[in-house]
Amino acid sequence: MKKLLLLIFITSISFGAVAQKKKRKGFRIGEKIGKLTTKIMTSKTADLSEVSLRPTIISGLYNLDAKTSEATYFPKGTVEGNYVVSVTFMKNKGAGMLEIKGTVQCDGKTMEYVGAGTYMTVFHKPFTEQKTVTITTEEGGKAAFFYYRWLL
């Protein structure tokens, strides 16, 4: 089953590339298959031992008029030049992404869940201080990590 889901996911990425090249307005079958596959592969957890983190910083966001598939995931109000802190929760075992049953915060501000196991916070100005991401689950699990300035 996991191999089938992985195959569907890879196929959807391939179709997405083809759909973007043809640029048919309103009909992007690759994106539709990708969204369906993402929904199938994303589950919820409150057990942090099941989670593998993928932290990301985007310094000076690209022009969103490019209409990439990725751009559809950014929170509303995100514009070119913004700075984004995101964390994606992947399954520790097997393929798939995880939505956390609880809260994910960056410097005390709740990060927006944008789908595919990913939480984001957007900053409109560059930041020079470390950012702290805190995860608290409904079952009382807690974890935190830092984005240090030297990574920026």
N, C-alpha and C. Protein backbone atom coordinates (compact mmCIF):
# COMPACT_ATOMS: atom_id res chain seq x y z
N MET A 1 0.83 -1.20 0.00
CA MET A 1 0.00 0.00 0.00
C MET A 1 0.87 1.26 0.00
N LYS A 2 1.94 1.24 0.83
CA LYS A 2 2.81 2.40 0.91
C LYS A 2 3.54 2.62 -0.41
N LYS A 3 3.93 1.53 -1.07
CA LYS A 3 4.61 1.65 -2.35
C LYS A 3 3.66 2.22 -3.39
N LEU A 4 2.40 1.83 -3.34
CA LEU A 4 1.40 2.35 -4.27
C LEU A 4 1.20 3.85 -4.06
N LEU A 5 1.11 4.28 -2.79
CA LEU A 5 0.95 5.70 -2.49
C LEU A 5 2.16 6.50 -2.95
N LEU A 6 3.35 5.94 -2.75
CA LEU A 6 4.57 6.62 -3.19
C LEU A 6 4.58 6.74 -4.71
N LEU A 7 4.17 5.68 -5.40
CA LEU A 7 4.11 5.71 -6.87
C LEU A 7 3.12 6.77 -7.35
N ILE A 8 1.96 6.85 -6.70
CA ILE A 8 0.95 7.86 -7.06
C ILE A 8 1.51 9.26 -6.83
N PHE A 9 2.21 9.45 -5.72
CA PHE A 9 2.79 10.76 -5.40
C PHE A 9 3.82 11.17 -6.46
N ILE A 10 4.71 10.26 -6.83
CA ILE A 10 5.72 10.56 -7.83
C ILE A 10 5.07 10.82 -9.19
N THR A 11 4.07 10.05 -9.52
CA THR A 11 3.36 10.26 -10.78
C THR A 11 2.69 11.62 -10.81
N SER A 12 2.11 12.02 -9.67
CA SER A 12 1.44 13.33 -9.63
C SER A 12 2.42 14.47 -9.84
N ILE A 13 3.63 14.31 -9.33
CA ILE A 13 4.65 15.34 -9.55
C ILE A 13 4.98 15.43 -11.03
N SER A 14 5.10 14.29 -11.67
CA SER A 14 5.39 14.26 -13.11
C SER A 14 4.27 14.92 -13.90
N PHE A 15 3.03 14.57 -13.57
CA PHE A 15 1.89 15.19 -14.25
C PHE A 15 1.85 16.69 -13.99
N GLY A 16 2.24 17.11 -12.78
CA GLY A 16 2.25 18.53 -12.45
C GLY A 16 3.19 19.30 -13.35
N ALA A 17 4.35 18.73 -13.62
CA ALA A 17 5.32 19.39 -14.50
C ALA A 17 4.75 19.51 -15.91
N VAL A 18 4.11 18.46 -16.41
CA VAL A 18 3.50 18.50 -17.74
C VAL A 18 2.36 19.50 -17.78
N ALA A 19 1.51 19.50 -16.73
CA ALA A 19 0.37 20.41 -16.70
C ALA A 19 0.82 21.86 -16.69
N GLN A 20 1.93 22.16 -15.99
CA GLN A 20 2.41 23.53 -15.95
C GLN A 20 2.95 23.97 -17.30
N LYS A 21 3.56 23.05 -18.05
CA LYS A 21 4.11 23.41 -19.35
C LYS A 21 3.00 23.74 -20.35
N LYS A 22 1.88 23.01 -20.29
CA LYS A 22 0.79 23.24 -21.24
C LYS A 22 0.00 24.49 -20.91
N LYS A 23 -0.02 24.89 -19.65
CA LYS A 23 -0.68 26.12 -19.18
C LYS A 23 -2.12 26.27 -19.66
N ARG A 24 -2.89 25.22 -19.48
CA ARG A 24 -4.31 25.33 -19.77
C ARG A 24 -4.98 25.96 -18.56
N LYS A 25 -5.70 27.02 -18.80
CA LYS A 25 -6.32 27.75 -17.70
C LYS A 25 -7.39 26.90 -17.03
N GLY A 26 -7.33 26.84 -15.70
CA GLY A 26 -8.35 26.19 -14.91
C GLY A 26 -8.28 24.68 -14.87
N PHE A 27 -7.43 24.04 -15.66
CA PHE A 27 -7.38 22.59 -15.67
C PHE A 27 -5.94 22.14 -15.50
N ARG A 28 -5.59 21.85 -14.27
CA ARG A 28 -4.23 21.41 -13.94
C ARG A 28 -4.36 20.05 -13.28
N ILE A 29 -4.45 19.03 -14.11
CA ILE A 29 -4.71 17.68 -13.60
C ILE A 29 -3.61 17.21 -12.66
N GLY A 30 -2.36 17.60 -12.93
CA GLY A 30 -1.26 17.20 -12.06
C GLY A 30 -1.45 17.72 -10.64
N GLU A 31 -1.89 18.96 -10.53
CA GLU A 31 -2.13 19.54 -9.20
C GLU A 31 -3.29 18.85 -8.51
N LYS A 32 -4.33 18.54 -9.26
CA LYS A 32 -5.50 17.87 -8.66
C LYS A 32 -5.12 16.47 -8.15
N ILE A 33 -4.34 15.74 -8.92
CA ILE A 33 -3.88 14.42 -8.48
C ILE A 33 -2.95 14.57 -7.28
N GLY A 34 -2.08 15.58 -7.33
CA GLY A 34 -1.17 15.83 -6.22
C GLY A 34 -1.90 16.15 -4.93
N LYS A 35 -2.93 16.98 -5.00
CA LYS A 35 -3.70 17.33 -3.81
C LYS A 35 -4.41 16.11 -3.24
N LEU A 36 -4.97 15.27 -4.12
CA LEU A 36 -5.63 14.06 -3.67
C LEU A 36 -4.64 13.12 -2.99
N THR A 37 -3.48 12.95 -3.61
CA THR A 37 -2.45 12.08 -3.04
C THR A 37 -1.97 12.61 -1.70
N THR A 38 -1.81 13.92 -1.60
CA THR A 38 -1.38 14.54 -0.34
C THR A 38 -2.39 14.28 0.75
N LYS A 39 -3.68 14.40 0.44
CA LYS A 39 -4.72 14.14 1.44
C LYS A 39 -4.66 12.70 1.91
N ILE A 40 -4.44 11.78 0.97
CA ILE A 40 -4.37 10.36 1.32
C ILE A 40 -3.15 10.07 2.19
N MET A 41 -2.04 10.74 1.91
CA MET A 41 -0.78 10.45 2.61
C MET A 41 -0.59 11.24 3.90
N THR A 42 -1.52 12.13 4.24
CA THR A 42 -1.40 12.94 5.45
C THR A 42 -2.36 12.43 6.51
N SER A 43 -1.83 12.15 7.69
CA SER A 43 -2.66 11.74 8.81
C SER A 43 -2.35 12.64 10.00
N LYS A 44 -3.05 12.43 11.11
CA LYS A 44 -2.86 13.26 12.29
C LYS A 44 -2.21 12.44 13.40
N THR A 45 -1.43 13.11 14.24
CA THR A 45 -0.81 12.45 15.39
C THR A 45 -0.61 13.42 16.54
N ALA A 46 -0.60 12.86 17.74
CA ALA A 46 -0.24 13.63 18.93
C ALA A 46 1.01 13.00 19.56
N ASP A 47 1.57 11.99 18.90
CA ASP A 47 2.75 11.28 19.39
C ASP A 47 3.99 11.77 18.64
N LEU A 48 4.81 12.57 19.30
CA LEU A 48 5.97 13.16 18.65
C LEU A 48 7.05 12.14 18.29
N SER A 49 6.98 10.94 18.85
CA SER A 49 7.97 9.91 18.49
C SER A 49 7.73 9.38 17.07
N GLU A 50 6.57 9.68 16.50
CA GLU A 50 6.25 9.25 15.13
C GLU A 50 6.74 10.26 14.09
N VAL A 51 7.30 11.38 14.55
CA VAL A 51 7.56 12.53 13.69
C VAL A 51 9.04 12.70 13.34
N SER A 52 9.27 13.07 12.09
CA SER A 52 10.58 13.51 11.63
C SER A 52 10.39 14.92 11.08
N LEU A 53 11.19 15.88 11.54
CA LEU A 53 11.00 17.29 11.17
C LEU A 53 11.80 17.66 9.93
N ARG A 54 11.23 18.56 9.16
CA ARG A 54 11.94 19.18 8.03
C ARG A 54 11.75 20.69 8.13
N PRO A 55 12.65 21.38 8.85
CA PRO A 55 12.53 22.84 8.98
C PRO A 55 13.06 23.55 7.73
N THR A 56 12.44 24.68 7.40
CA THR A 56 12.84 25.45 6.22
C THR A 56 12.74 26.94 6.51
N ILE A 57 13.68 27.71 5.95
CA ILE A 57 13.61 29.17 5.98
C ILE A 57 13.69 29.64 4.54
N ILE A 58 12.80 30.55 4.17
CA ILE A 58 12.87 31.18 2.85
C ILE A 58 13.17 32.65 3.12
N SER A 59 14.33 33.09 2.68
CA SER A 59 14.75 34.49 2.88
C SER A 59 14.55 35.25 1.58
N GLY A 60 13.55 36.10 1.55
CA GLY A 60 13.24 36.86 0.34
C GLY A 60 12.50 35.99 -0.65
N LEU A 61 11.23 35.82 -0.43
CA LEU A 61 10.38 34.94 -1.24
C LEU A 61 10.35 35.38 -2.70
N TYR A 62 10.34 34.43 -3.60
CA TYR A 62 10.29 34.69 -5.04
C TYR A 62 8.95 35.30 -5.45
N ASN A 63 8.87 35.77 -6.67
CA ASN A 63 7.66 36.38 -7.21
C ASN A 63 6.55 35.33 -7.32
N LEU A 64 5.46 35.53 -6.60
CA LEU A 64 4.38 34.55 -6.59
C LEU A 64 3.55 34.57 -7.87
N ASP A 65 3.78 35.54 -8.75
CA ASP A 65 3.10 35.56 -10.05
C ASP A 65 3.56 34.39 -10.91
N ALA A 66 4.61 33.71 -10.51
CA ALA A 66 5.10 32.54 -11.24
C ALA A 66 4.06 31.41 -11.21
N LYS A 67 3.14 31.47 -10.27
CA LYS A 67 2.03 30.52 -10.15
C LYS A 67 2.52 29.07 -10.05
N THR A 68 3.54 28.85 -9.24
CA THR A 68 4.01 27.49 -9.02
C THR A 68 3.02 26.75 -8.13
N SER A 69 3.10 25.43 -8.12
CA SER A 69 2.24 24.64 -7.24
C SER A 69 2.52 24.97 -5.78
N GLU A 70 3.79 25.21 -5.47
CA GLU A 70 4.19 25.55 -4.10
C GLU A 70 3.52 26.84 -3.63
N ALA A 71 3.38 27.80 -4.53
CA ALA A 71 2.82 29.10 -4.17
C ALA A 71 1.39 29.00 -3.64
N THR A 72 0.67 27.96 -4.01
CA THR A 72 -0.70 27.80 -3.53
C THR A 72 -0.75 27.46 -2.04
N TYR A 73 0.37 27.02 -1.48
CA TYR A 73 0.41 26.66 -0.07
C TYR A 73 0.74 27.82 0.86
N PHE A 74 1.28 28.92 0.33
CA PHE A 74 1.64 30.03 1.20
C PHE A 74 0.40 30.68 1.79
N PRO A 75 0.48 31.12 3.06
CA PRO A 75 -0.67 31.78 3.69
C PRO A 75 -1.10 33.03 2.91
N LYS A 76 -2.38 33.35 3.00
CA LYS A 76 -2.90 34.55 2.34
C LYS A 76 -2.15 35.78 2.83
N GLY A 77 -1.91 36.70 1.92
CA GLY A 77 -1.20 37.92 2.27
C GLY A 77 0.31 37.82 2.07
N THR A 78 0.80 36.63 1.71
CA THR A 78 2.23 36.47 1.46
C THR A 78 2.59 37.13 0.14
N VAL A 79 3.66 37.91 0.14
CA VAL A 79 4.08 38.62 -1.07
C VAL A 79 5.57 38.40 -1.33
N GLU A 80 5.98 38.75 -2.52
CA GLU A 80 7.38 38.65 -2.90
C GLU A 80 8.25 39.42 -1.91
N GLY A 81 9.35 38.82 -1.52
CA GLY A 81 10.27 39.47 -0.59
C GLY A 81 10.06 39.09 0.87
N ASN A 82 8.93 38.45 1.20
CA ASN A 82 8.67 38.04 2.58
C ASN A 82 9.68 36.97 3.03
N TYR A 83 9.74 36.78 4.31
CA TYR A 83 10.59 35.77 4.93
C TYR A 83 9.68 34.73 5.57
N VAL A 84 9.93 33.47 5.29
CA VAL A 84 9.03 32.41 5.72
C VAL A 84 9.79 31.41 6.58
N VAL A 85 9.20 31.06 7.72
CA VAL A 85 9.69 29.97 8.55
C VAL A 85 8.64 28.87 8.44
N SER A 86 9.08 27.68 8.05
CA SER A 86 8.13 26.58 7.95
C SER A 86 8.74 25.32 8.53
N VAL A 87 7.87 24.42 8.92
CA VAL A 87 8.29 23.10 9.38
C VAL A 87 7.30 22.09 8.83
N THR A 88 7.84 21.03 8.25
CA THR A 88 7.02 19.95 7.71
C THR A 88 7.25 18.72 8.58
N PHE A 89 6.17 18.08 8.96
CA PHE A 89 6.24 16.88 9.79
C PHE A 89 6.05 15.66 8.90
N MET A 90 7.11 14.86 8.80
CA MET A 90 7.07 13.62 8.01
C MET A 90 6.94 12.44 8.96
N LYS A 91 6.42 11.33 8.45
CA LYS A 91 6.36 10.12 9.25
C LYS A 91 7.76 9.57 9.45
N ASN A 92 8.04 9.16 10.69
CA ASN A 92 9.33 8.57 11.01
C ASN A 92 9.51 7.22 10.31
N LYS A 93 8.44 6.47 10.23
CA LYS A 93 8.47 5.15 9.60
C LYS A 93 7.47 5.15 8.45
N GLY A 94 7.91 4.76 7.28
CA GLY A 94 7.01 4.72 6.13
C GLY A 94 6.92 6.07 5.45
N ALA A 95 6.08 6.12 4.45
CA ALA A 95 5.90 7.34 3.67
C ALA A 95 4.69 8.11 4.17
N GLY A 96 4.77 9.43 4.13
CA GLY A 96 3.61 10.25 4.47
C GLY A 96 3.97 11.44 5.32
N MET A 97 2.99 12.31 5.49
CA MET A 97 3.14 13.52 6.28
C MET A 97 2.17 13.48 7.45
N LEU A 98 2.44 14.32 8.46
CA LEU A 98 1.62 14.32 9.66
C LEU A 98 1.16 15.73 10.03
N GLU A 99 -0.10 15.84 10.37
CA GLU A 99 -0.64 17.05 10.97
C GLU A 99 -0.62 16.82 12.48
N ILE A 100 -0.15 17.79 13.23
CA ILE A 100 -0.01 17.65 14.68
C ILE A 100 -1.34 17.95 15.37
N LYS A 101 -1.75 17.03 16.25
CA LYS A 101 -2.91 17.28 17.10
C LYS A 101 -2.40 18.10 18.27
N GLY A 102 -2.49 19.40 18.14
CA GLY A 102 -1.97 20.32 19.15
C GLY A 102 -1.62 21.63 18.49
N THR A 103 -0.60 22.29 19.00
CA THR A 103 -0.21 23.59 18.45
C THR A 103 1.26 23.59 18.04
N VAL A 104 1.52 24.35 16.99
CA VAL A 104 2.89 24.59 16.53
C VAL A 104 3.04 26.11 16.50
N GLN A 105 4.02 26.62 17.23
CA GLN A 105 4.19 28.07 17.35
C GLN A 105 5.62 28.48 17.00
N CYS A 106 5.74 29.68 16.47
CA CYS A 106 7.04 30.30 16.22
C CYS A 106 7.08 31.58 17.05
N ASP A 107 7.98 31.61 18.00
CA ASP A 107 8.10 32.75 18.92
C ASP A 107 6.76 33.10 19.57
N GLY A 108 6.01 32.08 19.96
CA GLY A 108 4.75 32.28 20.65
C GLY A 108 3.56 32.55 19.75
N LYS A 109 3.78 32.70 18.45
CA LYS A 109 2.69 32.95 17.50
C LYS A 109 2.34 31.63 16.81
N THR A 110 1.06 31.28 16.80
CA THR A 110 0.63 30.03 16.18
C THR A 110 0.92 30.05 14.69
N MET A 111 1.59 28.99 14.24
CA MET A 111 1.92 28.86 12.81
C MET A 111 0.69 28.33 12.09
N GLU A 112 0.49 28.77 10.86
CA GLU A 112 -0.67 28.35 10.08
C GLU A 112 -0.42 26.99 9.44
N TYR A 113 -1.37 26.06 9.61
CA TYR A 113 -1.27 24.78 8.94
C TYR A 113 -1.73 24.98 7.50
N VAL A 114 -0.85 24.69 6.54
CA VAL A 114 -1.17 24.94 5.13
C VAL A 114 -1.40 23.66 4.34
N GLY A 115 -1.33 22.52 5.00
CA GLY A 115 -1.53 21.24 4.34
C GLY A 115 -0.23 20.49 4.16
N ALA A 116 -0.34 19.23 3.78
CA ALA A 116 0.82 18.37 3.52
C ALA A 116 1.77 18.30 4.71
N GLY A 117 1.23 18.37 5.94
CA GLY A 117 2.05 18.29 7.14
C GLY A 117 2.90 19.52 7.41
N THR A 118 2.59 20.63 6.75
CA THR A 118 3.44 21.83 6.83
C THR A 118 2.75 22.98 7.56
N TYR A 119 3.53 23.61 8.44
CA TYR A 119 3.10 24.80 9.18
C TYR A 119 4.01 25.95 8.78
N MET A 120 3.43 27.14 8.59
CA MET A 120 4.21 28.30 8.16
C MET A 120 3.88 29.55 8.96
N THR A 121 4.89 30.41 9.07
CA THR A 121 4.74 31.75 9.61
C THR A 121 5.48 32.68 8.65
N VAL A 122 4.85 33.81 8.32
CA VAL A 122 5.44 34.76 7.37
C VAL A 122 5.85 36.02 8.12
N PHE A 123 7.06 36.50 7.79
CA PHE A 123 7.57 37.76 8.34
C PHE A 123 7.76 38.72 7.18
N HIS A 124 7.35 39.96 7.37
CA HIS A 124 7.43 40.94 6.30
C HIS A 124 8.77 41.68 6.28
N LYS A 125 9.57 41.46 7.31
CA LYS A 125 10.89 42.09 7.38
C LYS A 125 11.92 41.00 7.72
N PRO A 126 13.16 41.20 7.30
CA PRO A 126 14.20 40.23 7.67
C PRO A 126 14.35 40.16 9.19
N PHE A 127 14.66 38.99 9.68
CA PHE A 127 14.88 38.88 11.11
C PHE A 127 16.33 38.50 11.37
N THR A 128 16.86 39.04 12.46
CA THR A 128 18.26 38.79 12.80
C THR A 128 18.39 38.02 14.11
N GLU A 129 17.30 37.86 14.81
CA GLU A 129 17.31 37.10 16.06
C GLU A 129 16.88 35.67 15.78
N GLN A 130 17.28 34.74 16.64
CA GLN A 130 16.87 33.35 16.46
C GLN A 130 15.35 33.23 16.58
N LYS A 131 14.80 32.27 15.88
CA LYS A 131 13.37 31.96 15.95
C LYS A 131 13.21 30.63 16.67
N THR A 132 12.27 30.56 17.59
CA THR A 132 12.02 29.35 18.36
C THR A 132 10.69 28.74 17.93
N VAL A 133 10.74 27.50 17.49
CA VAL A 133 9.52 26.77 17.13
C VAL A 133 9.22 25.80 18.26
N THR A 134 8.00 25.89 18.78
CA THR A 134 7.56 25.06 19.89
C THR A 134 6.36 24.22 19.44
N ILE A 135 6.43 22.93 19.75
CA ILE A 135 5.36 22.01 19.40
C ILE A 135 4.78 21.46 20.70
N THR A 136 3.47 21.57 20.87
CA THR A 136 2.78 21.05 22.04
C THR A 136 1.61 20.20 21.55
N THR A 137 1.56 18.94 21.96
CA THR A 137 0.47 18.07 21.51
C THR A 137 -0.66 18.03 22.53
N GLU A 138 -1.80 17.54 22.08
CA GLU A 138 -2.96 17.40 22.96
C GLU A 138 -2.69 16.45 24.12
N GLU A 139 -1.77 15.51 23.91
CA GLU A 139 -1.44 14.53 24.94
C GLU A 139 -0.36 15.02 25.90
N GLY A 140 0.09 16.28 25.72
CA GLY A 140 1.08 16.86 26.62
C GLY A 140 2.52 16.74 26.14
N GLY A 141 2.73 16.19 24.96
CA GLY A 141 4.08 16.11 24.41
C GLY A 141 4.58 17.49 24.04
N LYS A 142 5.88 17.73 24.30
CA LYS A 142 6.46 19.05 23.98
C LYS A 142 7.82 18.87 23.33
N ALA A 143 8.10 19.75 22.39
CA ALA A 143 9.41 19.79 21.74
C ALA A 143 9.64 21.21 21.26
N ALA A 144 10.91 21.57 21.11
CA ALA A 144 11.25 22.91 20.60
C ALA A 144 12.57 22.82 19.87
N PHE A 145 12.73 23.70 18.90
CA PHE A 145 14.01 23.84 18.23
C PHE A 145 14.16 25.28 17.78
N PHE A 146 15.38 25.63 17.40
CA PHE A 146 15.71 27.02 17.09
C PHE A 146 16.22 27.15 15.67
N TYR A 147 15.87 28.25 15.04
CA TYR A 147 16.51 28.69 13.80
C TYR A 147 17.51 29.75 14.24
N TYR A 148 18.78 29.45 14.14
CA TYR A 148 19.79 30.40 14.58
C TYR A 148 20.12 31.40 13.49
N ARG A 149 20.58 32.57 13.91
CA ARG A 149 20.90 33.67 13.00
C ARG A 149 21.92 33.24 11.94
N TRP A 150 22.89 32.43 12.28
CA TRP A 150 23.92 32.06 11.32
C TRP A 150 23.36 31.21 10.19
N LEU A 151 22.16 30.68 10.35
CA LEU A 151 21.52 29.92 9.28
C LEU A 151 20.84 30.83 8.28
N LEU A 152 20.64 32.08 8.64
CA LEU A 152 19.85 32.98 7.82
C LEU A 152 20.66 33.53 6.68
